[in-house]
């Protein structure tokens, strides 16, 4: 028994120490801060499609409450009709009793013989009946007054319930319209993001350009080689035969050019 109590005491001290460490040291603030950051990050990272679906489900969850309010209103309307019929009956009875009481009271003042529905009554019987009718009219009138107050209260409550239901349905419809609009805006935004996020894979284009450049370079190199081959024929051949009158041929070449030039000038003149 003592050992069990000792374990419980030690456990309590340990828990108290942990709680104190949590609240009285920076550890608790770190935990709370991380939890707050995680909660905010989690909410921000929830896909908008999921949030829209969740809101639509919340809107749909309003239907049972709306139906319950409709049932309450329907029951209230039925109660009002029943009570209004009851009040009409009570009012008719009170009016009939008041009329009879007024007739008896008038007869007591003006008549000595009292005959009603073929029956004769003494003055004492008429007075007694008048007293009873007076008490009955008082009770009927008091009851009617209370029932009227109850009826007015029920009407007020019913009108309030109807107003609440109409407000709830209007807000539901507005929320539905807001969600539809937000979803349309989201779809338009997604479409814009798809257009703006189109990435062209230009790796093949770059590869093609590089190949074209290589071909162009190879063709240029071959062209340069041909030109070089034409310009540089190699070493001078000392044994090659040249014409003996080479110098004269060159002089005749230039002399011929001069004669052709003078002839052209003469023709122009």
C-alpha atoms as a PDB file:
ATOM      1  CA  UNK A   1       0.000   0.000   0.000  1.00  0.00           C
ATOM      2  CA  UNK A   2       2.799   2.409   0.934  1.00  0.00           C
ATOM      3  CA  UNK A   3       4.744   1.459  -2.176  1.00  0.00           C
ATOM      4  CA  UNK A   4       1.698   2.130  -4.369  1.00  0.00           C
ATOM      5  CA  UNK A   5       1.143   5.532  -2.764  1.00  0.00           C
ATOM      6  CA  UNK A   6       4.808   6.318  -3.200  1.00  0.00           C
ATOM      7  CA  UNK A   7       4.618   5.516  -6.932  1.00  0.00           C
ATOM      8  CA  UNK A   8       1.543   7.723  -7.283  1.00  0.00           C
ATOM      9  CA  UNK A   9       3.300  10.587  -5.510  1.00  0.00           C
ATOM     10  CA  UNK A  10       6.360  10.226  -7.719  1.00  0.00           C
ATOM     11  CA  UNK A  11       4.191  10.181 -10.826  1.00  0.00           C
ATOM     12  CA  UNK A  12       2.364  13.287  -9.670  1.00  0.00           C
ATOM     13  CA  UNK A  13       5.656  15.097  -9.047  1.00  0.00           C
ATOM     14  CA  UNK A  14       6.930  14.064 -12.450  1.00  0.00           C
ATOM     15  CA  UNK A  15       3.799  15.318 -14.192  1.00  0.00           C
ATOM     16  CA  UNK A  16       3.922  18.553 -12.226  1.00  0.00           C
ATOM     17  CA  UNK A  17       7.559  18.991 -13.230  1.00  0.00           C
ATOM     18  CA  UNK A  18       6.772  18.440 -16.891  1.00  0.00           C
ATOM     19  CA  UNK A  19       3.854  20.872 -16.770  1.00  0.00           C
ATOM     20  CA  UNK A  20       6.026  23.448 -15.028  1.00  0.00           C
ATOM     21  CA  UNK A  21       8.799  22.947 -17.573  1.00  0.00           C
ATOM     22  CA  UNK A  22       6.311  23.431 -20.374  1.00  0.00           C
ATOM     23  CA  UNK A  23       4.758  26.632 -19.095  1.00  0.00           C
ATOM     24  CA  UNK A  24       7.676  28.197 -17.177  1.00  0.00           C
ATOM     25  CA  UNK A  25      10.528  27.580 -19.620  1.00  0.00           C
ATOM     26  CA  UNK A  26      11.111  28.516 -23.276  1.00  0.00           C
ATOM     27  CA  UNK A  27      10.175  24.977 -24.295  1.00  0.00           C
ATOM     28  CA  UNK A  28       6.467  25.776 -24.004  1.00  0.00           C
ATOM     29  CA  UNK A  29       6.775  28.904 -26.123  1.00  0.00           C
ATOM     30  CA  UNK A  30       8.713  26.983 -28.761  1.00  0.00           C
ATOM     31  CA  UNK A  31       6.049  24.293 -28.876  1.00  0.00           C
ATOM     32  CA  UNK A  32       3.230  26.843 -29.107  1.00  0.00           C
ATOM     33  CA  UNK A  33       5.055  28.802 -31.790  1.00  0.00           C
ATOM     34  CA  UNK A  34       5.738  25.698 -33.870  1.00  0.00           C
ATOM     35  CA  UNK A  35       2.139  24.575 -33.448  1.00  0.00           C
ATOM     36  CA  UNK A  36       0.892  27.971 -34.570  1.00  0.00           C
ATOM     37  CA  UNK A  37       3.210  28.013 -37.591  1.00  0.00           C
ATOM     38  CA  UNK A  38       2.226  24.483 -38.498  1.00  0.00           C
ATOM     39  CA  UNK A  39      -1.477  25.323 -38.220  1.00  0.00           C
ATOM     40  CA  UNK A  40      -1.121  28.431 -40.384  1.00  0.00           C
ATOM     41  CA  UNK A  41       1.027  26.636 -42.955  1.00  0.00           C
ATOM     42  CA  UNK A  42      -1.351  23.708 -43.084  1.00  0.00           C
ATOM     43  CA  UNK A  43      -4.353  25.965 -43.692  1.00  0.00           C
ATOM     44  CA  UNK A  44      -2.522  27.907 -46.409  1.00  0.00           C
ATOM     45  CA  UNK A  45      -1.440  24.708 -48.130  1.00  0.00           C
ATOM     46  CA  UNK A  46      -4.922  23.240 -48.313  1.00  0.00           C
ATOM     47  CA  UNK A  47      -5.923  23.123 -52.018  1.00  0.00           C
ATOM     48  CA  UNK A  48      -8.558  25.663 -52.968  1.00  0.00           C
ATOM     49  CA  UNK A  49     -10.610  22.961 -54.684  1.00  0.00           C
ATOM     50  CA  UNK A  50     -10.771  21.116 -51.373  1.00  0.00           C
ATOM     51  CA  UNK A  51     -11.804  24.291 -49.525  1.00  0.00           C
ATOM     52  CA  UNK A  52     -14.554  25.005 -52.074  1.00  0.00           C
ATOM     53  CA  UNK A  53     -15.819  21.441 -51.746  1.00  0.00           C
ATOM     54  CA  UNK A  54     -15.763  21.760 -47.958  1.00  0.00           C
ATOM     55  CA  UNK A  55     -17.769  25.006 -48.104  1.00  0.00           C
ATOM     56  CA  UNK A  56     -20.315  23.392 -50.416  1.00  0.00           C
ATOM     57  CA  UNK A  57     -20.708  20.576 -47.909  1.00  0.00           C
ATOM     58  CA  UNK A  58     -21.199  23.133 -45.120  1.00  0.00           C
ATOM     59  CA  UNK A  59     -23.892  24.818 -47.194  1.00  0.00           C
ATOM     60  CA  UNK A  60     -25.541  21.462 -47.817  1.00  0.00           C
ATOM     61  CA  UNK A  61     -25.404  20.746 -44.067  1.00  0.00           C
ATOM     62  CA  UNK A  62     -27.722  23.738 -43.539  1.00  0.00           C
ATOM     63  CA  UNK A  63     -30.613  21.897 -45.189  1.00  0.00           C
ATOM     64  CA  UNK A  64     -31.545  19.763 -42.136  1.00  0.00           C
ATOM     65  CA  UNK A  65     -31.666  22.890 -39.987  1.00  0.00           C
ATOM     66  CA  UNK A  66     -33.771  24.687 -42.598  1.00  0.00           C
ATOM     67  CA  UNK A  67     -36.153  21.734 -42.804  1.00  0.00           C
ATOM     68  CA  UNK A  68     -36.408  21.627 -39.008  1.00  0.00           C
ATOM     69  CA  UNK A  69     -37.263  25.344 -38.965  1.00  0.00           C
ATOM     70  CA  UNK A  70     -39.887  24.766 -41.647  1.00  0.00           C
ATOM     71  CA  UNK A  71     -41.491  22.047 -39.539  1.00  0.00           C
ATOM     72  CA  UNK A  72     -41.523  24.302 -36.470  1.00  0.00           C
ATOM     73  CA  UNK A  73     -43.121  27.089 -38.491  1.00  0.00           C
ATOM     74  CA  UNK A  74     -45.723  24.723 -39.948  1.00  0.00           C
ATOM     75  CA  UNK A  75     -46.613  23.481 -36.458  1.00  0.00           C
ATOM     76  CA  UNK A  76     -46.811  27.065 -35.219  1.00  0.00           C
ATOM     77  CA  UNK A  77     -49.137  28.031 -38.051  1.00  0.00           C
ATOM     78  CA  UNK A  78     -51.372  25.045 -37.291  1.00  0.00           C
ATOM     79  CA  UNK A  79     -51.451  25.987 -33.596  1.00  0.00           C
ATOM     80  CA  UNK A  80     -52.413  29.534 -34.510  1.00  0.00           C
ATOM     81  CA  UNK A  81     -55.317  28.391 -36.651  1.00  0.00           C
ATOM     82  CA  UNK A  82     -56.586  26.104 -33.897  1.00  0.00           C
ATOM     83  CA  UNK A  83     -56.237  28.788 -31.259  1.00  0.00           C
ATOM     84  CA  UNK A  84     -57.908  31.404 -33.453  1.00  0.00           C
ATOM     85  CA  UNK A  85     -60.877  29.059 -33.931  1.00  0.00           C
ATOM     86  CA  UNK A  86     -60.972  28.470 -30.182  1.00  0.00           C
ATOM     87  CA  UNK A  87     -60.902  32.198 -29.503  1.00  0.00           C
ATOM     88  CA  UNK A  88     -63.710  32.762 -31.994  1.00  0.00           C
ATOM     89  CA  UNK A  89     -65.802  30.183 -30.152  1.00  0.00           C
ATOM     90  CA  UNK A  90     -65.000  31.771 -26.784  1.00  0.00           C
ATOM     91  CA  UNK A  91     -65.832  35.238 -28.098  1.00  0.00           C
ATOM     92  CA  UNK A  92     -69.160  34.001 -29.457  1.00  0.00           C
ATOM     93  CA  UNK A  93     -70.021  32.372 -26.142  1.00  0.00           C
ATOM     94  CA  UNK A  94     -69.031  35.471 -24.191  1.00  0.00           C
ATOM     95  CA  UNK A  95     -71.137  37.629 -26.458  1.00  0.00           C
ATOM     96  CA  UNK A  96     -74.124  35.336 -26.035  1.00  0.00           C
ATOM     97  CA  UNK A  97     -73.770  35.291 -22.249  1.00  0.00           C
ATOM     98  CA  UNK A  98     -73.356  39.072 -22.104  1.00  0.00           C
ATOM     99  CA  UNK A  99     -76.491  39.512 -24.215  1.00  0.00           C
ATOM    100  CA  UNK A 100     -78.482  37.180 -21.966  1.00  0.00           C
ATOM    101  CA  UNK A 101     -77.148  38.949 -18.877  1.00  0.00           C
ATOM    102  CA  UNK A 102     -78.198  42.318 -20.293  1.00  0.00           C
ATOM    103  CA  UNK A 103     -81.707  40.956 -21.036  1.00  0.00           C
ATOM    104  CA  UNK A 104     -82.150  39.578 -17.490  1.00  0.00           C
ATOM    105  CA  UNK A 105     -80.837  42.791 -15.950  1.00  0.00           C
ATOM    106  CA  UNK A 106     -83.248  44.869 -18.031  1.00  0.00           C
ATOM    107  CA  UNK A 107     -86.177  42.572 -17.172  1.00  0.00           C
ATOM    108  CA  UNK A 108     -85.452  42.815 -13.466  1.00  0.00           C
ATOM    109  CA  UNK A 109     -85.709  46.585 -13.730  1.00  0.00           C
ATOM    110  CA  UNK A 110     -88.833  46.719 -15.886  1.00  0.00           C
ATOM    111  CA  UNK A 111     -90.904  43.570 -15.302  1.00  0.00           C
ATOM    112  CA  UNK A 112     -92.660  41.791 -12.495  1.00  0.00           C
ATOM    113  CA  UNK A 113     -93.357  38.542 -14.391  1.00  0.00           C
ATOM    114  CA  UNK A 114     -90.505  36.579 -15.861  1.00  0.00           C
ATOM    115  CA  UNK A 115     -91.290  34.065 -18.599  1.00  0.00           C
ATOM    116  CA  UNK A 116     -88.551  32.625 -20.808  1.00  0.00           C
ATOM    117  CA  UNK A 117     -88.974  29.862 -23.420  1.00  0.00           C
ATOM    118  CA  UNK A 118     -92.475  29.051 -22.041  1.00  0.00           C
ATOM    119  CA  UNK A 119     -91.233  28.766 -18.445  1.00  0.00           C
ATOM    120  CA  UNK A 120     -92.047  31.126 -15.602  1.00  0.00           C
ATOM    121  CA  UNK A 121     -89.394  32.178 -13.097  1.00  0.00           C
ATOM    122  CA  UNK A 122     -89.512  34.121  -9.883  1.00  0.00           C
ATOM    123  CA  UNK A 123     -87.568  37.311  -9.368  1.00  0.00           C
ATOM    124  CA  UNK A 124     -85.185  35.478  -7.023  1.00  0.00           C
ATOM    125  CA  UNK A 125     -84.472  32.832  -9.645  1.00  0.00           C
ATOM    126  CA  UNK A 126     -83.809  35.483 -12.237  1.00  0.00           C
ATOM    127  CA  UNK A 127     -81.478  37.360  -9.875  1.00  0.00           C
ATOM    128  CA  UNK A 128     -79.633  34.164  -9.025  1.00  0.00           C
ATOM    129  CA  UNK A 129     -79.261  33.295 -12.685  1.00  0.00           C
ATOM    130  CA  UNK A 130     -78.060  36.828 -13.413  1.00  0.00           C
ATOM    131  CA  UNK A 131     -75.448  36.529 -10.659  1.00  0.00           C
ATOM    132  CA  UNK A 132     -74.198  33.221 -12.080  1.00  0.00           C
ATOM    133  CA  UNK A 133     -74.048  34.634 -15.581  1.00  0.00           C
ATOM    134  CA  UNK A 134     -72.097  37.638 -14.312  1.00  0.00           C
ATOM    135  CA  UNK A 135     -69.464  35.384 -12.721  1.00  0.00           C
ATOM    136  CA  UNK A 136     -69.348  33.241 -15.871  1.00  0.00           C
ATOM    137  CA  UNK A 137     -68.879  36.301 -18.083  1.00  0.00           C
ATOM    138  CA  UNK A 138     -66.043  37.498 -15.841  1.00  0.00           C
ATOM    139  CA  UNK A 139     -64.284  34.118 -16.149  1.00  0.00           C
ATOM    140  CA  UNK A 140     -64.890  33.915 -19.902  1.00  0.00           C
ATOM    141  CA  UNK A 141     -63.633  37.447 -20.410  1.00  0.00           C
ATOM    142  CA  UNK A 142     -60.508  36.860 -18.316  1.00  0.00           C
ATOM    143  CA  UNK A 143     -59.785  33.603 -20.135  1.00  0.00           C
ATOM    144  CA  UNK A 144     -60.368  35.256 -23.482  1.00  0.00           C
ATOM    145  CA  UNK A 145     -57.989  38.092 -22.578  1.00  0.00           C
ATOM    146  CA  UNK A 146     -55.237  35.645 -21.580  1.00  0.00           C
ATOM    147  CA  UNK A 147     -55.772  33.537 -24.697  1.00  0.00           C
ATOM    148  CA  UNK A 148     -55.547  36.641 -26.846  1.00  0.00           C
ATOM    149  CA  UNK A 149     -52.214  37.512 -25.212  1.00  0.00           C
ATOM    150  CA  UNK A 150     -51.019  33.968 -25.809  1.00  0.00           C
ATOM    151  CA  UNK A 151     -52.163  34.193 -29.426  1.00  0.00           C
ATOM    152  CA  UNK A 152     -50.321  37.461 -29.961  1.00  0.00           C
ATOM    153  CA  UNK A 153     -47.187  35.979 -28.400  1.00  0.00           C
ATOM    154  CA  UNK A 154     -47.413  32.940 -30.650  1.00  0.00           C
ATOM    155  CA  UNK A 155     -47.910  35.180 -33.670  1.00  0.00           C
ATOM    156  CA  UNK A 156     -44.842  37.199 -32.700  1.00  0.00           C
ATOM    157  CA  UNK A 157     -42.801  34.037 -32.207  1.00  0.00           C
ATOM    158  CA  UNK A 158     -44.016  32.626 -35.495  1.00  0.00           C
ATOM    159  CA  UNK A 159     -43.166  35.830 -37.350  1.00  0.00           C
ATOM    160  CA  UNK A 160     -39.716  35.812 -35.764  1.00  0.00           C
ATOM    161  CA  UNK A 161     -39.170  32.189 -36.801  1.00  0.00           C
ATOM    162  CA  UNK A 162     -40.327  32.950 -40.331  1.00  0.00           C
ATOM    163  CA  UNK A 163     -37.945  35.913 -40.501  1.00  0.00           C
ATOM    164  CA  UNK A 164     -35.074  33.782 -39.212  1.00  0.00           C
ATOM    165  CA  UNK A 165     -35.822  31.108 -41.784  1.00  0.00           C
ATOM    166  CA  UNK A 166     -36.016  33.633 -44.600  1.00  0.00           C
ATOM    167  CA  UNK A 167     -32.723  35.199 -43.492  1.00  0.00           C
ATOM    168  CA  UNK A 168     -31.065  31.806 -43.273  1.00  0.00           C
ATOM    169  CA  UNK A 169     -32.287  30.813 -46.727  1.00  0.00           C
ATOM    170  CA  UNK A 170     -31.208  34.184 -48.172  1.00  0.00           C
ATOM    171  CA  UNK A 171     -27.756  33.822 -46.630  1.00  0.00           C
ATOM    172  CA  UNK A 172     -27.548  30.253 -47.892  1.00  0.00           C
ATOM    173  CA  UNK A 173     -28.416  31.387 -51.408  1.00  0.00           C
ATOM    174  CA  UNK A 174     -25.882  34.215 -51.173  1.00  0.00           C
ATOM    175  CA  UNK A 175     -23.196  31.820 -49.954  1.00  0.00           C
ATOM    176  CA  UNK A 176     -24.009  29.470 -52.803  1.00  0.00           C
ATOM    177  CA  UNK A 177     -23.688  32.330 -55.286  1.00  0.00           C
ATOM    178  CA  UNK A 178     -20.413  33.445 -53.673  1.00  0.00           C
ATOM    179  CA  UNK A 179     -18.965  29.937 -53.889  1.00  0.00           C
ATOM    180  CA  UNK A 180     -20.045  29.624 -57.528  1.00  0.00           C
ATOM    181  CA  UNK A 181     -18.357  32.946 -58.306  1.00  0.00           C
ATOM    182  CA  UNK A 182     -15.184  31.989 -56.423  1.00  0.00           C
ATOM    183  CA  UNK A 183     -15.017  28.673 -58.230  1.00  0.00           C
ATOM    184  CA  UNK A 184     -15.419  30.446 -61.592  1.00  0.00           C
ATOM    185  CA  UNK A 185     -12.631  32.851 -60.653  1.00  0.00           C
ATOM    186  CA  UNK A 186     -10.449  29.924 -59.584  1.00  0.00           C
ATOM    187  CA  UNK A 187     -11.050  28.148 -62.890  1.00  0.00           C
ATOM    188  CA  UNK A 188     -10.170  31.338 -64.805  1.00  0.00           C
ATOM    189  CA  UNK A 189      -7.037  31.743 -62.700  1.00  0.00           C
ATOM    190  CA  UNK A 190      -6.038  28.138 -63.341  1.00  0.00           C
ATOM    191  CA  UNK A 191      -6.542  28.632 -67.070  1.00  0.00           C
ATOM    192  CA  UNK A 192      -4.346  31.745 -66.971  1.00  0.00           C
ATOM    193  CA  UNK A 193      -1.690  29.879 -65.015  1.00  0.00           C
ATOM    194  CA  UNK A 194      -1.682  27.061 -67.555  1.00  0.00           C
ATOM    195  CA  UNK A 195      -1.102  29.561 -70.363  1.00  0.00           C
ATOM    196  CA  UNK A 196       1.608  31.450 -68.485  1.00  0.00           C
ATOM    197  CA  UNK A 197       3.314  28.293 -67.253  1.00  0.00           C
ATOM    198  CA  UNK A 198       3.786  26.745 -70.721  1.00  0.00           C
ATOM    199  CA  UNK A 199       7.474  25.835 -71.002  1.00  0.00           C
ATOM    200  CA  UNK A 200       8.996  25.111 -74.406  1.00  0.00           C
ATOM    201  CA  UNK A 201      11.651  22.413 -74.433  1.00  0.00           C
ATOM    202  CA  UNK A 202      14.282  24.149 -76.562  1.00  0.00           C
ATOM    203  CA  UNK A 203      16.946  21.504 -76.055  1.00  0.00           C
ATOM    204  CA  UNK A 204      16.297  19.994 -79.513  1.00  0.00           C
ATOM    205  CA  UNK A 205      16.254  23.479 -81.027  1.00  0.00           C
ATOM    206  CA  UNK A 206      19.607  24.266 -79.456  1.00  0.00           C
ATOM    207  CA  UNK A 207      20.957  20.919 -80.623  1.00  0.00           C
ATOM    208  CA  UNK A 208      19.758  21.626 -84.175  1.00  0.00           C
ATOM    209  CA  UNK A 209      21.336  25.082 -84.157  1.00  0.00           C
ATOM    210  CA  UNK A 210      24.598  23.586 -82.946  1.00  0.00           C
ATOM    211  CA  UNK A 211      24.527  20.989 -85.729  1.00  0.00           C
ATOM    212  CA  UNK A 212      23.876  23.687 -88.334  1.00  0.00           C
ATOM    213  CA  UNK A 213      26.805  25.710 -86.988  1.00  0.00           C
ATOM    214  CA  UNK A 214      29.061  22.667 -87.169  1.00  0.00           C
ATOM    215  CA  UNK A 215      28.038  21.988 -90.779  1.00  0.00           C
ATOM    216  CA  UNK A 216      28.636  25.621 -91.679  1.00  0.00           C
ATOM    217  CA  UNK A 217      32.080  25.477 -90.048  1.00  0.00           C
ATOM    218  CA  UNK A 218      33.034  22.271 -91.854  1.00  0.00           C
ATOM    219  CA  UNK A 219      31.987  23.708 -95.202  1.00  0.00           C
ATOM    220  CA  UNK A 220      33.978  26.884 -94.455  1.00  0.00           C
ATOM    221  CA  UNK A 221      37.020  24.844 -93.483  1.00  0.00           C
ATOM    222  CA  UNK A 222      36.867  22.855 -96.718  1.00  0.00           C
ATOM    223  CA  UNK A 223      36.501  26.062 -98.689  1.00  0.00           C
ATOM    224  CA  UNK A 224      39.547  27.543 -96.984  1.00  0.00           C
ATOM    225  CA  UNK A 225      41.494  24.415 -97.737  1.00  0.00           C
ATOM    226  CA  UNK A 226      40.647  24.631-101.436  1.00  0.00           C
ATOM    227  CA  UNK A 227      41.719  28.275-101.546  1.00  0.00           C
ATOM    228  CA  UNK A 228      44.925  27.404 -99.770  1.00  0.00           C
ATOM    229  CA  UNK A 229      45.601  24.599-102.218  1.00  0.00           C
ATOM    230  CA  UNK A 230      45.135  27.059-105.075  1.00  0.00           C
ATOM    231  CA  UNK A 231      47.391  29.728-103.611  1.00  0.00           C
ATOM    232  CA  UNK A 232      50.226  27.551-102.386  1.00  0.00           C
ATOM    233  CA  UNK A 233      51.416  25.154-105.103  1.00  0.00           C
ATOM    234  CA  UNK A 234      54.353  24.004-103.083  1.00  0.00           C
ATOM    235  CA  UNK A 235      58.082  24.442-103.777  1.00  0.00           C
ATOM    236  CA  UNK A 236      59.483  26.178-106.936  1.00  0.00           C
ATOM    237  CA  UNK A 237      60.379  23.816-109.797  1.00  0.00           C
ATOM    238  CA  UNK A 238      63.783  24.906-111.017  1.00  0.00           C
ATOM    239  CA  UNK A 239      63.728  22.579-114.031  1.00  0.00           C
ATOM    240  CA  UNK A 240      60.505  23.961-115.478  1.00  0.00           C
ATOM    241  CA  UNK A 241      60.785  25.363-119.053  1.00  0.00           C
ATOM    242  CA  UNK A 242      59.879  29.008-119.507  1.00  0.00           C
ATOM    243  CA  UNK A 243      59.605  30.824-122.808  1.00  0.00           C
ATOM    244  CA  UNK A 244      62.751  32.664-123.894  1.00  0.00           C
ATOM    245  CA  UNK A 245      60.782  35.694-124.919  1.00  0.00           C
ATOM    246  CA  UNK A 246      58.744  35.877-121.731  1.00  0.00           C
ATOM    247  CA  UNK A 247      59.717  39.473-121.067  1.00  0.00           C
ATOM    248  CA  UNK A 248      58.759  40.483-124.626  1.00  0.00           C
ATOM    249  CA  UNK A 249      55.373  38.806-124.250  1.00  0.00           C
ATOM    250  CA  UNK A 250      54.726  40.769-121.071  1.00  0.00           C
ATOM    251  CA  UNK A 251      55.762  44.029-122.825  1.00  0.00           C
ATOM    252  CA  UNK A 252      53.514  43.242-125.762  1.00  0.00           C
ATOM    253  CA  UNK A 253      50.675  42.515-123.321  1.00  0.00           C
ATOM    254  CA  UNK A 254      50.914  45.918-121.724  1.00  0.00           C
ATOM    255  CA  UNK A 255      51.559  47.661-125.099  1.00  0.00           C
ATOM    256  CA  UNK A 256      48.421  46.065-126.454  1.00  0.00           C
ATOM    257  CA  UNK A 257      46.391  47.358-123.503  1.00  0.00           C
ATOM    258  CA  UNK A 258      47.641  50.903-124.133  1.00  0.00           C
ATOM    259  CA  UNK A 259      46.723  50.746-127.827  1.00  0.00           C
ATOM    260  CA  UNK A 260      43.263  49.440-127.036  1.00  0.00           C
ATOM    261  CA  UNK A 261      42.772  52.228-124.535  1.00  0.00           C
ATOM    262  CA  UNK A 262      43.749  54.962-127.039  1.00  0.00           C
ATOM    263  CA  UNK A 263      41.428  53.448-129.662  1.00  0.00           C
ATOM    264  CA  UNK A 264      38.534  53.522-127.248  1.00  0.00           C
ATOM    265  CA  UNK A 265      39.226  57.184-126.459  1.00  0.00           C
ATOM    266  CA  UNK A 266      39.264  58.046-130.144  1.00  0.00           C
ATOM    267  CA  UNK A 267      35.957  56.328-130.682  1.00  0.00           C
ATOM    268  CA  UNK A 268      34.417  58.255-127.865  1.00  0.00           C
ATOM    269  CA  UNK A 269      35.427  61.504-129.494  1.00  0.00           C
END
